[in-house]
Amino acid sequence: AMLLVNPKATTTNGRTRDVLIRAFGA
């Protein structure tokens, strides 16, 4: 899978993105 992350997304921050990436990457 390729995950495309918009770092300027309105309702997420760096910490939330890291959590989601780890969960999905598992």
PDB file of all heavy atoms in Angstrom:
ATOM      1  N   ALA A   1       0.847  -1.194   0.000  1.00  0.00           N
ATOM      2  CA  ALA A   1       0.000   0.000   0.000  1.00  0.00           C
ATOM      3  C   ALA A   1       0.879   1.238   0.000  1.00  0.00           C
ATOM      4  O   ALA A   1       1.939   1.269   0.634  1.00  0.00           O
ATOM      5  CB  ALA A   1      -0.917   0.010   1.218  1.00  0.00           C
ATOM      6  N   MET A   2       0.426   2.247  -0.705  1.00  0.00           N
ATOM      7  CA  MET A   2       1.056   3.560  -0.651  1.00  0.00           C
ATOM      8  C   MET A   2       0.116   4.504   0.077  1.00  0.00           C
ATOM      9  O   MET A   2      -1.070   4.616  -0.281  1.00  0.00           O
ATOM     10  CB  MET A   2       1.355   4.097  -2.046  1.00  0.00           C
ATOM     11  CG  MET A   2       2.015   5.487  -2.023  1.00  0.00           C
ATOM     12  SD  MET A   2       2.359   6.182  -3.673  1.00  0.00           S
ATOM     13  CE  MET A   2       3.738   5.142  -4.176  1.00  0.00           C
ATOM     14  N   LEU A   3       0.620   5.159   1.111  1.00  0.00           N
ATOM     15  CA  LEU A   3      -0.162   6.128   1.868  1.00  0.00           C
ATOM     16  C   LEU A   3       0.261   7.530   1.464  1.00  0.00           C
ATOM     17  O   LEU A   3       1.424   7.907   1.619  1.00  0.00           O
ATOM     18  CB  LEU A   3       0.040   5.935   3.375  1.00  0.00           C
ATOM     19  CG  LEU A   3      -0.606   6.979   4.293  1.00  0.00           C
ATOM     20  CD1 LEU A   3      -2.125   6.982   4.135  1.00  0.00           C
ATOM     21  CD2 LEU A   3      -0.218   6.736   5.747  1.00  0.00           C
ATOM     22  N   LEU A   4      -0.701   8.305   0.971  1.00  0.00           N
ATOM     23  CA  LEU A   4      -0.467   9.685   0.581  1.00  0.00           C
ATOM     24  C   LEU A   4      -0.929  10.584   1.718  1.00  0.00           C
ATOM     25  O   LEU A   4      -2.100  10.556   2.102  1.00  0.00           O
ATOM     26  CB  LEU A   4      -1.222  10.030  -0.698  1.00  0.00           C
ATOM     27  CG  LEU A   4      -1.067   9.042  -1.865  1.00  0.00           C
ATOM     28  CD1 LEU A   4      -1.813   9.549  -3.088  1.00  0.00           C
ATOM     29  CD2 LEU A   4       0.400   8.788  -2.174  1.00  0.00           C
ATOM     30  N   VAL A   5      -0.023  11.378   2.257  1.00  0.00           N
ATOM     31  CA  VAL A   5      -0.312  12.213   3.417  1.00  0.00           C
ATOM     32  C   VAL A   5      -0.227  13.674   3.003  1.00  0.00           C
ATOM     33  O   VAL A   5       0.808  14.125   2.492  1.00  0.00           O
ATOM     34  CB  VAL A   5       0.679  11.942   4.569  1.00  0.00           C
ATOM     35  CG1 VAL A   5       0.391  12.862   5.745  1.00  0.00           C
ATOM     36  CG2 VAL A   5       0.609  10.482   4.994  1.00  0.00           C
ATOM     37  N   ASN A   6      -1.312  14.395   3.223  1.00  0.00           N
ATOM     38  CA  ASN A   6      -1.277  15.840   3.028  1.00  0.00           C
ATOM     39  C   ASN A   6      -0.868  16.486   4.351  1.00  0.00           C
ATOM     40  O   ASN A   6      -1.664  16.524   5.293  1.00  0.00           O
ATOM     41  CB  ASN A   6      -2.649  16.352   2.595  1.00  0.00           C
ATOM     42  CG  ASN A   6      -2.667  17.859   2.369  1.00  0.00           C
ATOM     43  OD1 ASN A   6      -1.669  18.548   2.591  1.00  0.00           O
ATOM     44  ND2 ASN A   6      -3.800  18.372   1.940  1.00  0.00           N
ATOM     45  N   PRO A   7       0.362  17.001   4.465  1.00  0.00           N
ATOM     46  CA  PRO A   7       0.820  17.543   5.751  1.00  0.00           C
ATOM     47  C   PRO A   7       0.074  18.811   6.161  1.00  0.00           C
ATOM     48  O   PRO A   7       0.152  19.222   7.317  1.00  0.00           O
ATOM     49  CB  PRO A   7       2.303  17.832   5.499  1.00  0.00           C
ATOM     50  CG  PRO A   7       2.422  18.008   4.028  1.00  0.00           C
ATOM     51  CD  PRO A   7       1.393  17.089   3.416  1.00  0.00           C
ATOM     52  N   LYS A   8      -0.673  19.410   5.212  1.00  0.00           N
ATOM     53  CA  LYS A   8      -1.440  20.614   5.527  1.00  0.00           C
ATOM     54  C   LYS A   8      -2.916  20.325   5.759  1.00  0.00           C
ATOM     55  O   LYS A   8      -3.734  21.243   5.798  1.00  0.00           O
ATOM     56  CB  LYS A   8      -1.288  21.631   4.396  1.00  0.00           C
ATOM     57  CG  LYS A   8       0.140  22.113   4.197  1.00  0.00           C
ATOM     58  CD  LYS A   8       0.235  23.146   3.086  1.00  0.00           C
ATOM     59  CE  LYS A   8       1.668  23.623   2.899  1.00  0.00           C
ATOM     60  NZ  LYS A   8       1.778  24.620   1.805  1.00  0.00           N
ATOM     61  N   ALA A   9      -3.267  19.045   5.900  1.00  0.00           N
ATOM     62  CA  ALA A   9      -4.669  18.673   6.133  1.00  0.00           C
ATOM     63  C   ALA A   9      -5.215  19.402   7.354  1.00  0.00           C
ATOM     64  O   ALA A   9      -4.528  19.562   8.371  1.00  0.00           O
ATOM     65  CB  ALA A   9      -4.789  17.166   6.311  1.00  0.00           C
ATOM     66  N   THR A  10      -6.467  19.821   7.248  1.00  0.00           N
ATOM     67  CA  THR A  10      -7.058  20.734   8.228  1.00  0.00           C
ATOM     68  C   THR A  10      -7.149  20.155   9.630  1.00  0.00           C
ATOM     69  O   THR A  10      -6.853  20.836  10.618  1.00  0.00           O
ATOM     70  CB  THR A  10      -8.473  21.158   7.765  1.00  0.00           C
ATOM     71  OG1 THR A  10      -8.372  21.703   6.444  1.00  0.00           O
ATOM     72  CG2 THR A  10      -9.063  22.200   8.692  1.00  0.00           C
ATOM     73  N   THR A  11      -7.545  18.886   9.759  1.00  0.00           N
ATOM     74  CA  THR A  11      -7.920  18.361  11.069  1.00  0.00           C
ATOM     75  C   THR A  11      -6.927  17.356  11.643  1.00  0.00           C
ATOM     76  O   THR A  11      -7.261  16.625  12.560  1.00  0.00           O
ATOM     77  CB  THR A  11      -9.313  17.702  11.001  1.00  0.00           C
ATOM     78  OG1 THR A  11      -9.291  16.662  10.000  1.00  0.00           O
ATOM     79  CG2 THR A  11     -10.375  18.724  10.636  1.00  0.00           C
ATOM     80  N   THR A  12      -5.711  17.308  11.111  1.00  0.00           N
ATOM     81  CA  THR A  12      -4.716  16.408  11.683  1.00  0.00           C
ATOM     82  C   THR A  12      -3.448  17.187  12.006  1.00  0.00           C
ATOM     83  O   THR A  12      -3.186  18.242  11.450  1.00  0.00           O
ATOM     84  CB  THR A  12      -4.361  15.265  10.706  1.00  0.00           C
ATOM     85  OG1 THR A  12      -3.854  15.824   9.488  1.00  0.00           O
ATOM     86  CG2 THR A  12      -5.582  14.413  10.401  1.00  0.00           C
ATOM     87  N   ASN A  13      -2.655  16.621  12.930  1.00  0.00           N
ATOM     88  CA  ASN A  13      -1.354  17.205  13.250  1.00  0.00           C
ATOM     89  C   ASN A  13      -0.294  16.110  13.148  1.00  0.00           C
ATOM     90  O   ASN A  13      -0.599  14.947  12.870  1.00  0.00           O
ATOM     91  CB  ASN A  13      -1.366  17.840  14.639  1.00  0.00           C
ATOM     92  CG  ASN A  13      -1.836  16.861  15.712  1.00  0.00           C
ATOM     93  OD1 ASN A  13      -1.468  15.679  15.701  1.00  0.00           O
ATOM     94  ND2 ASN A  13      -2.643  17.344  16.647  1.00  0.00           N
ATOM     95  N   GLY A  14       0.945  16.483  13.366  1.00  0.00           N
ATOM     96  CA  GLY A  14       2.042  15.539  13.207  1.00  0.00           C
ATOM     97  C   GLY A  14       1.919  14.315  14.093  1.00  0.00           C
ATOM     98  O   GLY A  14       2.174  13.193  13.658  1.00  0.00           O
ATOM     99  N   ARG A  15       1.505  14.520  15.348  1.00  0.00           N
ATOM    100  CA  ARG A  15       1.375  13.393  16.269  1.00  0.00           C
ATOM    101  C   ARG A  15       0.295  12.423  15.819  1.00  0.00           C
ATOM    102  O   ARG A  15       0.501  11.202  15.821  1.00  0.00           O
ATOM    103  CB  ARG A  15       1.068  13.915  17.671  1.00  0.00           C
ATOM    104  CG  ARG A  15       0.921  12.810  18.713  1.00  0.00           C
ATOM    105  CD  ARG A  15       0.702  13.388  20.100  1.00  0.00           C
ATOM    106  NE  ARG A  15       1.863  14.150  20.547  1.00  0.00           N
ATOM    107  CZ  ARG A  15       1.930  14.800  21.706  1.00  0.00           C
ATOM    108  NH1 ARG A  15       0.879  14.799  22.517  1.00  0.00           N
ATOM    109  NH2 ARG A  15       3.028  15.447  22.044  1.00  0.00           N
ATOM    110  N   THR A  16      -0.851  12.966  15.416  1.00  0.00           N
ATOM    111  CA  THR A  16      -1.941  12.108  14.945  1.00  0.00           C
ATOM    112  C   THR A  16      -1.514  11.332  13.709  1.00  0.00           C
ATOM    113  O   THR A  16      -1.783  10.127  13.585  1.00  0.00           O
ATOM    114  CB  THR A  16      -3.187  12.943  14.630  1.00  0.00           C
ATOM    115  OG1 THR A  16      -3.595  13.645  15.803  1.00  0.00           O
ATOM    116  CG2 THR A  16      -4.325  12.060  14.148  1.00  0.00           C
ATOM    117  N   ARG A  17      -0.846  12.016  12.782  1.00  0.00           N
ATOM    118  CA  ARG A  17      -0.399  11.335  11.567  1.00  0.00           C
ATOM    119  C   ARG A  17       0.563  10.198  11.888  1.00  0.00           C
ATOM    120  O   ARG A  17       0.476   9.113  11.303  1.00  0.00           O
ATOM    121  CB  ARG A  17       0.258  12.349  10.616  1.00  0.00           C
ATOM    122  CG  ARG A  17      -0.724  13.313   9.972  1.00  0.00           C
ATOM    123  CD  ARG A  17      -0.083  14.075   8.830  1.00  0.00           C
ATOM    124  NE  ARG A  17       0.930  15.013   9.288  1.00  0.00           N
ATOM    125  CZ  ARG A  17       0.681  16.276   9.614  1.00  0.00           C
ATOM    126  NH1 ARG A  17      -0.561  16.738   9.563  1.00  0.00           N
ATOM    127  NH2 ARG A  17       1.655  17.080  10.001  1.00  0.00           N
ATOM    128  N   ASP A  18       1.471  10.400  12.829  1.00  0.00           N
ATOM    129  CA  ASP A  18       2.417   9.345  13.194  1.00  0.00           C
ATOM    130  C   ASP A  18       1.689   8.123  13.756  1.00  0.00           C
ATOM    131  O   ASP A  18       2.037   6.978  13.434  1.00  0.00           O
ATOM    132  CB  ASP A  18       3.416   9.866  14.227  1.00  0.00           C
ATOM    133  CG  ASP A  18       4.405  10.855  13.625  1.00  0.00           C
ATOM    134  OD1 ASP A  18       4.516  10.893  12.384  1.00  0.00           O
ATOM    135  OD2 ASP A  18       5.047  11.597  14.395  1.00  0.00           O
ATOM    136  N   VAL A  19       0.688   8.353  14.591  1.00  0.00           N
ATOM    137  CA  VAL A  19      -0.087   7.243  15.166  1.00  0.00           C
ATOM    138  C   VAL A  19      -0.798   6.465  14.063  1.00  0.00           C
ATOM    139  O   VAL A  19      -0.784   5.223  14.036  1.00  0.00           O
ATOM    140  CB  VAL A  19      -1.090   7.769  16.201  1.00  0.00           C
ATOM    141  CG1 VAL A  19      -2.052   6.662  16.631  1.00  0.00           C
ATOM    142  CG2 VAL A  19      -0.360   8.327  17.421  1.00  0.00           C
ATOM    143  N   LEU A  20      -1.420   7.193  13.136  1.00  0.00           N
ATOM    144  CA  LEU A  20      -2.166   6.535  12.065  1.00  0.00           C
ATOM    145  C   LEU A  20      -1.226   5.761  11.144  1.00  0.00           C
ATOM    146  O   LEU A  20      -1.558   4.653  10.703  1.00  0.00           O
ATOM    147  CB  LEU A  20      -2.951   7.580  11.273  1.00  0.00           C
ATOM    148  CG  LEU A  20      -3.963   8.419  12.054  1.00  0.00           C
ATOM    149  CD1 LEU A  20      -4.755   9.322  11.119  1.00  0.00           C
ATOM    150  CD2 LEU A  20      -4.917   7.534  12.843  1.00  0.00           C
ATOM    151  N   ILE A  21      -0.071   6.330  10.861  1.00  0.00           N
ATOM    152  CA  ILE A  21       0.883   5.656   9.988  1.00  0.00           C
ATOM    153  C   ILE A  21       1.376   4.358  10.633  1.00  0.00           C
ATOM    154  O   ILE A  21       1.481   3.319   9.962  1.00  0.00           O
ATOM    155  CB  ILE A  21       2.060   6.595   9.659  1.00  0.00           C
ATOM    156  CG1 ILE A  21       1.592   7.709   8.721  1.00  0.00           C
ATOM    157  CG2 ILE A  21       3.218   5.823   9.030  1.00  0.00           C
ATOM    158  CD1 ILE A  21       2.600   8.817   8.541  1.00  0.00           C
ATOM    159  N   ARG A  22       1.669   4.397  11.936  1.00  0.00           N
ATOM    160  CA  ARG A  22       2.119   3.172  12.619  1.00  0.00           C
ATOM    161  C   ARG A  22       1.021   2.114  12.621  1.00  0.00           C
ATOM    162  O   ARG A  22       1.300   0.925  12.396  1.00  0.00           O
ATOM    163  CB  ARG A  22       2.540   3.505  14.046  1.00  0.00           C
ATOM    164  CG  ARG A  22       3.893   4.206  14.141  1.00  0.00           C
ATOM    165  CD  ARG A  22       4.461   4.121  15.550  1.00  0.00           C
ATOM    166  NE  ARG A  22       3.602   4.808  16.513  1.00  0.00           N
ATOM    167  CZ  ARG A  22       3.711   6.089  16.834  1.00  0.00           C
ATOM    168  NH1 ARG A  22       4.651   6.832  16.251  1.00  0.00           N
ATOM    169  NH2 ARG A  22       2.921   6.630  17.731  1.00  0.00           N
ATOM    170  N   ALA A  23      -0.215   2.523  12.869  1.00  0.00           N
ATOM    171  CA  ALA A  23      -1.321   1.564  12.905  1.00  0.00           C
ATOM    172  C   ALA A  23      -1.524   0.927  11.531  1.00  0.00           C
ATOM    173  O   ALA A  23      -1.700  -0.291  11.413  1.00  0.00           O
ATOM    174  CB  ALA A  23      -2.598   2.253  13.369  1.00  0.00           C
ATOM    175  N   PHE A  24      -1.482   1.739  10.506  1.00  0.00           N
ATOM    176  CA  PHE A  24      -1.692   1.214   9.160  1.00  0.00           C
ATOM    177  C   PHE A  24      -0.500   0.384   8.707  1.00  0.00           C
ATOM    178  O   PHE A  24      -0.661  -0.657   8.046  1.00  0.00           O
ATOM    179  CB  PHE A  24      -1.946   2.384   8.201  1.00  0.00           C
ATOM    180  CG  PHE A  24      -2.707   2.016   6.974  1.00  0.00           C
ATOM    181  CD1 PHE A  24      -4.020   1.583   7.051  1.00  0.00           C
ATOM    182  CD2 PHE A  24      -2.109   2.085   5.724  1.00  0.00           C
ATOM    183  CE1 PHE A  24      -4.726   1.245   5.920  1.00  0.00           C
ATOM    184  CE2 PHE A  24      -2.810   1.744   4.583  1.00  0.00           C
ATOM    185  CZ  PHE A  24      -4.119   1.322   4.673  1.00  0.00           C
ATOM    186  N   GLY A  25       0.697   0.829   9.069  1.00  0.00           N
ATOM    187  CA  GLY A  25       1.896   0.103   8.677  1.00  0.00           C
ATOM    188  C   GLY A  25       2.020  -1.258   9.315  1.00  0.00           C
ATOM    189  O   GLY A  25       2.730  -2.129   8.798  1.00  0.00           O
ATOM    190  N   ALA A  26       1.347  -1.461  10.443  1.00  0.00           N
ATOM    191  CA  ALA A  26       1.371  -2.775  11.089  1.00  0.00           C
ATOM    192  C   ALA A  26       0.538  -3.799  10.339  1.00  0.00           C
ATOM    193  O   ALA A  26       0.683  -5.010  10.564  1.00  0.00           O
ATOM    194  CB  ALA A  26       0.865  -2.656  12.531  1.00  0.00           C
TER     195      ALA A  26
END
